[in-house]
Amino acid sequence: GRLACFSLTSMAMDFHAFVCAIVVYVCVANSHGGHADQGHLLAQVSEDGKIMMRKERKQELSLERERAHNADTHDASTLQEQNAMWVSVGRRRRRRLKSNCVWLLWGQWSTCSKTCGTGQQSRTRSKISESGGGDPCTGPAEETRSCNTEACPVDCSWEPFGAWGQCSKTCGEGEQSRERVVKTQAANGGTACAGSAEETKTCNPDPCPVDCAWEPYGPWSECSKTCGGGEEKRTRAVATAAAHGGAACTGDAEETKQCNDQACPIDCKFTDWGEWGECSKTCRSILNGARQQRTREIDTEAEHGGACEGDIIQKRTCRDVSSCSNRFKLR
């Protein structure tokens, strides 16, 4: 329902009448189960300060019209008086309809625009607008205030990872790393940064090229000759075979060198023995130790420390019996 109040001639009476009208309205509305009746129950204040409900006012106006009508039937000369009366009634009614604007109570504050970090919330109020030339309402229909002014929790956050560093190996699976720094530190109960400031990964996993490698040479063999230029050799084996594109072994698995190149000693050489010479004694003296000899010569002298062993004269006992008589031969 709606509530209409009419102002009195003085400001004080208008205020008290308005308050009384509201009280009556509330009481009547409550007596009807919280609703004013369907006839739009109105409260008015009469010139003498009496509060009348709309129905009572209707009855008063009806009586006034009836009295005016009766006066008109008695004497046409009273028409002027009737008009004047109605003008007066209208003026009084207009004076009664004049009311100032009135603010109603503020509503509830709205939900804060932020849960933290200083948000805003507002509330509004309605008004009963002025009527009949009454004073308008002053002040705002809406007001705002700050809310949830406590600082918001700030979660830790990372800057993006930087570029990967150089691999620790060019082949054979090395390692490289990259780093990041904290962009925003946790604050006001925010969540700490998760994860590590550094991460690593493997790199260059391909096997490295393996170059061929030799074992050390073994000892030299015995010289093939003791003199006159012999040969000795030594060998080696492959320690690591080439792999994954590595370089092959260079050089030989066997190595030789000359040895004992000094000239060999040459022994002297003799000629063949000559014929035996004549026996030195005849048969008469055969018992006295006759001798005969033969000789030879050195055909080639010894060289380079060679030996020359052996005699150049060879002797032996002998007996020449060719000149002896038969008598001595028998002996």
Protein backbone atom coordinates (compact mmCIF):
# COMPACT_ATOMS: atom_id res chain seq x y z
CA GLY A 1 0.00 0.00 0.00
CA ARG A 2 1.05 3.64 -0.14
CA LEU A 3 0.99 6.31 2.55
CA ALA A 4 -0.09 9.91 1.93
CA CYS A 5 0.15 12.65 4.56
CA PHE A 6 -0.92 16.27 4.41
CA SER A 7 1.03 19.07 6.00
CA LEU A 8 -0.49 21.43 8.54
CA THR A 9 -0.07 25.16 8.51
CA SER A 10 2.97 25.09 10.74
CA MET A 11 6.20 23.09 10.34
CA ALA A 12 5.94 21.55 13.80
CA MET A 13 2.37 20.38 13.31
CA ASP A 14 3.29 18.95 9.85
CA PHE A 15 6.11 16.86 11.36
CA HIS A 16 4.07 15.53 14.28
CA ALA A 17 1.10 14.81 12.05
CA PHE A 18 3.30 12.93 9.62
CA VAL A 19 4.79 10.78 12.37
CA CYS A 20 1.35 10.05 13.76
CA ALA A 21 0.08 9.11 10.30
CA ILE A 22 2.93 6.61 9.89
CA VAL A 23 2.17 5.08 13.28
CA VAL A 24 -1.50 4.68 12.38
CA TYR A 25 -0.59 3.19 9.03
CA VAL A 26 1.74 0.64 10.59
CA CYS A 27 -0.81 -0.34 13.21
CA VAL A 28 -3.57 -0.77 10.67
CA ALA A 29 -1.32 -2.70 8.33
CA ASN A 30 -0.29 -5.05 11.15
CA SER A 31 -3.91 -5.56 12.13
CA HIS A 32 -4.57 -6.79 8.57
CA GLY A 33 -1.88 -9.40 8.58
CA GLY A 34 0.90 -7.10 7.40
CA HIS A 35 -1.03 -5.54 4.50
CA ALA A 36 -3.16 -2.41 4.23
CA ASP A 37 -6.67 -3.11 2.98
CA GLN A 38 -7.43 -3.13 -0.70
CA GLY A 39 -8.90 0.37 -0.55
CA HIS A 40 -5.37 1.90 -0.22
CA LEU A 41 -5.75 3.00 3.37
CA LEU A 42 -4.63 6.62 3.75
CA ALA A 43 -4.01 8.73 6.81
CA GLN A 44 -4.81 12.44 6.83
CA VAL A 45 -4.68 15.17 9.41
CA SER A 46 -7.65 17.49 9.78
CA GLU A 47 -7.35 21.23 10.33
CA ASP A 48 -7.82 20.75 14.03
CA GLY A 49 -4.97 18.20 14.16
CA LYS A 50 -7.11 15.10 14.22
CA ILE A 51 -5.69 12.05 12.41
CA MET A 52 -8.29 10.50 10.12
CA MET A 53 -8.06 7.43 7.94
CA ARG A 54 -9.05 7.76 4.32
CA LYS A 55 -12.45 6.20 4.86
CA GLU A 56 -13.21 8.68 7.59
CA ARG A 57 -12.11 11.52 5.30
CA LYS A 58 -14.39 10.26 2.56
CA GLN A 59 -17.31 10.36 4.97
CA GLU A 60 -16.43 13.95 5.92
CA LEU A 61 -16.27 15.05 2.29
CA SER A 62 -19.53 13.30 1.53
CA LEU A 63 -21.23 15.23 4.34
CA GLU A 64 -19.81 18.49 3.03
CA ARG A 65 -21.13 17.80 -0.45
CA GLU A 66 -24.49 16.87 0.95
CA ARG A 67 -24.68 20.09 2.98
CA ALA A 68 -23.75 22.10 -0.06
CA HIS A 69 -26.34 20.33 -2.17
CA ASN A 70 -29.08 21.01 0.40
CA ALA A 71 -28.10 24.66 0.53
CA ASP A 72 -28.40 24.89 -3.26
CA THR A 73 -31.97 23.56 -3.24
CA HIS A 74 -33.06 26.05 -0.61
CA ASP A 75 -31.90 29.20 -2.36
CA ALA A 76 -30.22 29.84 -5.68
CA SER A 77 -28.68 32.92 -4.17
CA THR A 78 -26.37 30.74 -2.09
CA LEU A 79 -24.57 29.37 -5.22
CA GLN A 80 -21.81 31.91 -4.77
CA GLU A 81 -21.34 30.82 -1.19
CA GLN A 82 -21.20 27.17 -2.28
CA ASN A 83 -18.52 27.90 -4.87
CA ALA A 84 -16.54 29.86 -2.35
CA MET A 85 -16.91 27.00 0.07
CA TRP A 86 -15.63 24.48 -2.47
CA VAL A 87 -12.73 26.75 -3.30
CA SER A 88 -11.95 26.89 0.37
CA VAL A 89 -12.29 23.14 0.66
CA GLY A 90 -9.98 22.66 -2.34
CA ARG A 91 -7.44 25.01 -0.84
CA ARG A 92 -7.61 23.15 2.44
CA ARG A 93 -7.22 19.85 0.61
CA ARG A 94 -4.23 21.18 -1.32
CA ARG A 95 -2.67 22.33 1.92
CA ARG A 96 -3.27 18.90 3.37
CA LEU A 97 -1.63 17.15 0.31
CA LYS A 98 1.62 19.13 0.64
CA SER A 99 4.37 16.95 2.20
CA ASN A 100 8.14 16.99 2.27
CA CYS A 101 10.37 14.25 0.88
CA VAL A 102 11.33 11.65 3.49
CA TRP A 103 14.22 9.16 3.27
CA LEU A 104 13.54 5.58 4.35
CA LEU A 105 16.11 3.52 6.23
CA TRP A 106 19.35 2.46 4.52
CA GLY A 107 19.39 -1.03 3.01
CA GLN A 108 21.97 -3.70 3.69
CA TRP A 109 25.55 -3.22 2.53
CA SER A 110 26.29 -5.03 -0.74
CA THR A 111 28.88 -7.78 -1.01
CA CYS A 112 32.42 -6.38 -1.05
CA SER A 113 33.90 -6.15 -4.52
CA LYS A 114 37.10 -7.81 -3.29
CA THR A 115 37.84 -10.46 -0.72
CA CYS A 116 41.05 -8.66 0.23
CA GLY A 117 43.19 -5.72 -0.76
CA THR A 118 40.54 -3.02 -0.13
CA GLY A 119 37.34 -3.41 -2.10
CA GLN A 120 34.18 -1.31 -2.23
CA GLN A 121 30.64 -1.97 -1.08
CA SER A 122 27.54 0.16 -1.29
CA ARG A 123 24.04 0.49 0.06
CA THR A 124 21.01 2.41 -1.09
CA ARG A 125 17.93 3.89 0.41
CA SER A 126 14.52 4.75 -0.95
CA LYS A 127 12.50 7.87 -0.35
CA ILE A 128 8.95 9.05 -0.15
CA SER A 129 9.01 11.90 -2.62
CA GLU A 130 7.69 15.32 -1.73
CA SER A 131 4.20 16.29 -2.87
CA GLY A 132 2.13 19.43 -3.02
CA GLY A 133 5.20 21.63 -3.23
CA GLY A 134 6.95 20.01 -0.30
CA ASP A 135 10.70 20.16 0.21
CA PRO A 136 12.78 17.67 -1.76
CA CYS A 137 15.10 15.20 -0.05
CA THR A 138 18.73 16.14 0.37
CA GLY A 139 21.68 13.77 0.48
CA PRO A 140 22.60 10.77 -1.68
CA ALA A 141 20.46 7.76 -2.38
CA GLU A 142 23.60 5.59 -2.39
CA GLU A 143 26.74 5.54 -0.32
CA THR A 144 29.93 3.51 -0.56
CA ARG A 145 32.69 2.52 1.80
CA SER A 146 35.95 0.57 1.75
CA CYS A 147 35.91 -3.07 2.83
CA ASN A 148 38.26 -6.03 3.27
CA THR A 149 41.23 -3.73 3.61
CA GLU A 150 43.65 -6.42 4.73
CA ALA A 151 46.42 -7.25 2.25
CA CYS A 152 45.79 -10.16 -0.09
CA PRO A 153 48.01 -13.26 0.12
CA VAL A 154 50.72 -13.13 -2.56
CA ASP A 155 51.83 -16.48 -3.95
CA CYS A 156 55.44 -16.95 -4.96
CA SER A 157 56.04 -17.01 -8.72
CA TRP A 158 59.06 -17.83 -10.88
CA GLU A 159 60.58 -16.00 -13.80
CA PRO A 160 60.84 -18.22 -16.92
CA PHE A 161 63.88 -20.48 -17.11
CA GLY A 162 66.89 -19.04 -18.88
CA ALA A 163 68.69 -20.62 -21.83
CA TRP A 164 70.39 -24.01 -21.46
CA GLY A 165 74.07 -23.82 -20.65
CA GLN A 166 76.86 -25.47 -22.66
CA CYS A 167 76.99 -29.25 -22.55
CA SER A 168 79.77 -30.58 -20.33
CA LYS A 169 80.82 -33.03 -23.06
CA THR A 170 80.83 -32.92 -26.85
CA CYS A 171 79.93 -36.63 -27.00
CA GLY A 172 79.39 -39.60 -24.74
CA GLU A 173 76.44 -38.06 -22.81
CA GLY A 174 77.26 -34.90 -20.97
CA GLU A 175 75.08 -32.65 -18.82
CA GLN A 176 73.74 -29.12 -19.19
CA SER A 177 71.68 -26.93 -16.88
CA ARG A 178 69.56 -23.81 -16.82
CA GLU A 179 68.39 -21.54 -14.00
CA ARG A 180 65.52 -19.30 -13.03
CA VAL A 181 64.96 -16.71 -10.32
CA VAL A 182 62.00 -15.83 -8.13
CA LYS A 183 59.84 -13.19 -9.76
CA THR A 184 57.54 -12.55 -6.78
CA GLN A 185 58.26 -13.56 -3.20
CA ALA A 186 55.44 -15.10 -1.19
CA ALA A 187 53.81 -12.63 1.18
CA ASN A 188 50.86 -12.31 3.54
CA GLY A 189 50.47 -16.07 3.90
CA GLY A 190 50.80 -16.81 0.18
CA THR A 191 52.04 -20.11 -1.18
CA ALA A 192 55.80 -20.60 -1.42
CA CYS A 193 57.40 -21.32 -4.79
CA ALA A 194 57.38 -24.99 -5.75
CA GLY A 195 60.17 -26.58 -7.75
CA SER A 196 63.88 -25.90 -8.04
CA ALA A 197 65.76 -22.84 -9.22
CA GLU A 198 67.93 -25.07 -11.43
CA GLU A 199 67.21 -28.02 -13.68
CA THR A 200 69.57 -30.28 -15.60
CA LYS A 201 69.33 -32.68 -18.51
CA THR A 202 71.64 -34.99 -20.44
CA CYS A 203 73.09 -33.87 -23.76
CA ASN A 204 75.24 -35.14 -26.64
CA PRO A 205 74.45 -38.80 -25.96
CA ASP A 206 76.20 -40.14 -29.11
CA PRO A 207 79.34 -42.23 -28.43
CA CYS A 208 82.59 -40.38 -28.87
CA PRO A 209 84.91 -41.36 -31.77
CA VAL A 210 87.59 -43.79 -30.57
CA ASP A 211 91.00 -43.54 -32.25
CA CYS A 212 93.11 -46.61 -32.75
CA ALA A 213 95.97 -47.03 -30.27
CA TRP A 214 99.01 -49.34 -30.24
CA GLU A 215 100.42 -51.33 -27.39
CA PRO A 216 104.08 -50.56 -26.70
CA TYR A 217 106.64 -52.43 -28.83
CA GLY A 218 107.97 -55.67 -27.43
CA PRO A 219 111.71 -56.34 -26.95
CA TRP A 220 114.08 -56.66 -29.91
CA SER A 221 114.66 -60.18 -31.11
CA GLU A 222 118.16 -61.74 -31.28
CA CYS A 223 120.23 -60.55 -34.21
CA SER A 224 120.12 -62.88 -37.14
CA LYS A 225 123.94 -62.68 -37.48
CA THR A 226 126.73 -62.22 -35.06
CA CYS A 227 128.68 -60.10 -37.53
CA GLY A 228 128.61 -58.87 -41.03
CA GLY A 229 125.20 -57.10 -40.81
CA GLY A 230 122.35 -59.03 -39.38
CA GLU A 231 118.76 -58.03 -38.58
CA GLU A 232 116.66 -57.92 -35.47
CA LYS A 233 112.97 -57.02 -35.07
CA ARG A 234 110.26 -56.26 -32.59
CA THR A 235 106.42 -56.27 -32.81
CA ARG A 236 103.46 -54.54 -31.22
CA ALA A 237 99.72 -55.21 -31.02
CA VAL A 238 96.66 -52.90 -31.27
CA ALA A 239 95.57 -51.83 -27.80
CA THR A 240 92.34 -50.05 -28.88
CA ALA A 241 90.65 -50.54 -32.21
CA ALA A 242 89.17 -47.49 -33.96
CA ALA A 243 85.41 -47.01 -33.40
CA HIS A 244 82.59 -44.50 -34.02
CA GLY A 245 84.49 -42.75 -36.76
CA GLY A 246 87.79 -42.59 -34.90
CA ALA A 247 91.15 -42.50 -36.66
CA ALA A 248 92.81 -45.74 -37.73
CA CYS A 249 96.20 -46.74 -36.37
CA THR A 250 99.18 -45.44 -38.27
CA GLY A 251 102.53 -47.20 -38.50
CA ASP A 252 103.49 -50.88 -38.69
CA ALA A 253 102.90 -53.66 -36.29
CA GLU A 254 106.53 -54.85 -36.86
CA GLU A 255 109.76 -52.88 -36.76
CA THR A 256 113.25 -54.06 -37.91
CA LYS A 257 116.75 -52.74 -37.66
CA GLN A 258 120.28 -53.77 -38.65
CA CYS A 259 122.55 -55.38 -36.10
CA ASN A 260 126.06 -56.72 -35.80
CA ASP A 261 127.14 -54.89 -38.89
CA GLN A 262 130.80 -55.15 -38.01
CA ALA A 263 132.95 -57.30 -40.32
CA CYS A 264 133.26 -60.86 -39.29
CA PRO A 265 136.76 -62.20 -38.27
CA ILE A 266 138.49 -64.11 -41.11
CA ASP A 267 140.86 -66.94 -40.17
CA CYS A 268 143.89 -67.50 -42.24
CA LYS A 269 143.88 -70.24 -44.80
CA PHE A 270 146.72 -72.63 -45.59
CA THR A 271 147.72 -74.25 -48.83
CA ASP A 272 147.68 -77.97 -49.05
CA TRP A 273 150.59 -79.84 -47.57
CA GLY A 274 153.54 -80.51 -49.86
CA GLU A 275 155.23 -83.87 -50.39
CA TRP A 276 157.24 -85.41 -47.62
CA GLY A 277 160.90 -84.72 -47.88
CA GLU A 278 163.74 -87.34 -47.85
CA CYS A 279 164.37 -89.18 -44.70
CA SER A 280 167.27 -87.66 -42.84
CA LYS A 281 169.26 -90.94 -42.25
CA THR A 282 170.10 -94.13 -44.12
CA CYS A 283 169.37 -97.59 -43.00
CA ARG A 284 172.58 -97.80 -41.08
CA SER A 285 171.43 -95.12 -38.75
CA ILE A 286 167.74 -95.81 -38.78
CA LEU A 287 167.85 -96.65 -35.20
CA ASN A 288 169.16 -93.20 -34.41
CA GLY A 289 165.77 -91.57 -35.16
CA ALA A 290 165.61 -90.49 -38.71
CA ARG A 291 163.11 -87.68 -39.64
CA GLN A 292 161.40 -86.31 -42.66
CA GLN A 293 159.07 -83.26 -43.11
CA ARG A 294 156.71 -81.53 -45.37
CA THR A 295 155.49 -77.89 -45.51
CA ARG A 296 152.64 -75.72 -46.48
CA GLU A 297 152.12 -72.04 -46.87
CA ILE A 298 149.52 -69.51 -45.66
CA ASP A 299 147.27 -68.94 -48.57
CA THR A 300 145.07 -66.18 -46.95
CA GLU A 301 146.13 -64.06 -44.04
CA ALA A 302 143.80 -63.74 -41.04
CA GLU A 303 141.64 -60.57 -40.98
CA HIS A 304 139.42 -58.71 -38.50
CA GLY A 305 140.79 -60.57 -35.59
CA GLY A 306 140.60 -63.94 -37.24
CA ALA A 307 142.83 -66.78 -36.07
CA CYS A 308 145.57 -68.54 -37.92
CA GLU A 309 146.07 -71.80 -36.22
CA GLY A 310 148.13 -74.67 -37.43
CA ASP A 311 151.76 -75.39 -38.46
CA ILE A 312 153.35 -74.70 -41.75
CA ILE A 313 155.90 -77.55 -41.19
CA GLN A 314 154.94 -81.08 -40.33
CA LYS A 315 157.56 -83.71 -39.27
CA ARG A 316 157.58 -87.49 -38.74
CA THR A 317 159.98 -90.27 -38.03
CA CYS A 318 161.10 -92.30 -40.99
CA ARG A 319 163.59 -94.97 -42.25
CA ASP A 320 164.87 -95.32 -45.69
CA VAL A 321 165.46 -99.04 -46.28
CA SER A 322 165.83 -98.81 -50.00
CA SER A 323 169.65 -98.58 -49.72
CA CYS A 324 170.01 -101.27 -47.10
CA SER A 325 171.19 -104.78 -47.87
CA ASN A 326 169.02 -107.70 -47.41
CA ARG A 327 170.65 -108.37 -44.14
CA PHE A 328 169.53 -105.07 -42.69
CA LYS A 329 166.10 -105.37 -44.22
CA LEU A 330 165.52 -108.58 -42.40
CA ARG A 331 166.24 -106.87 -39.20
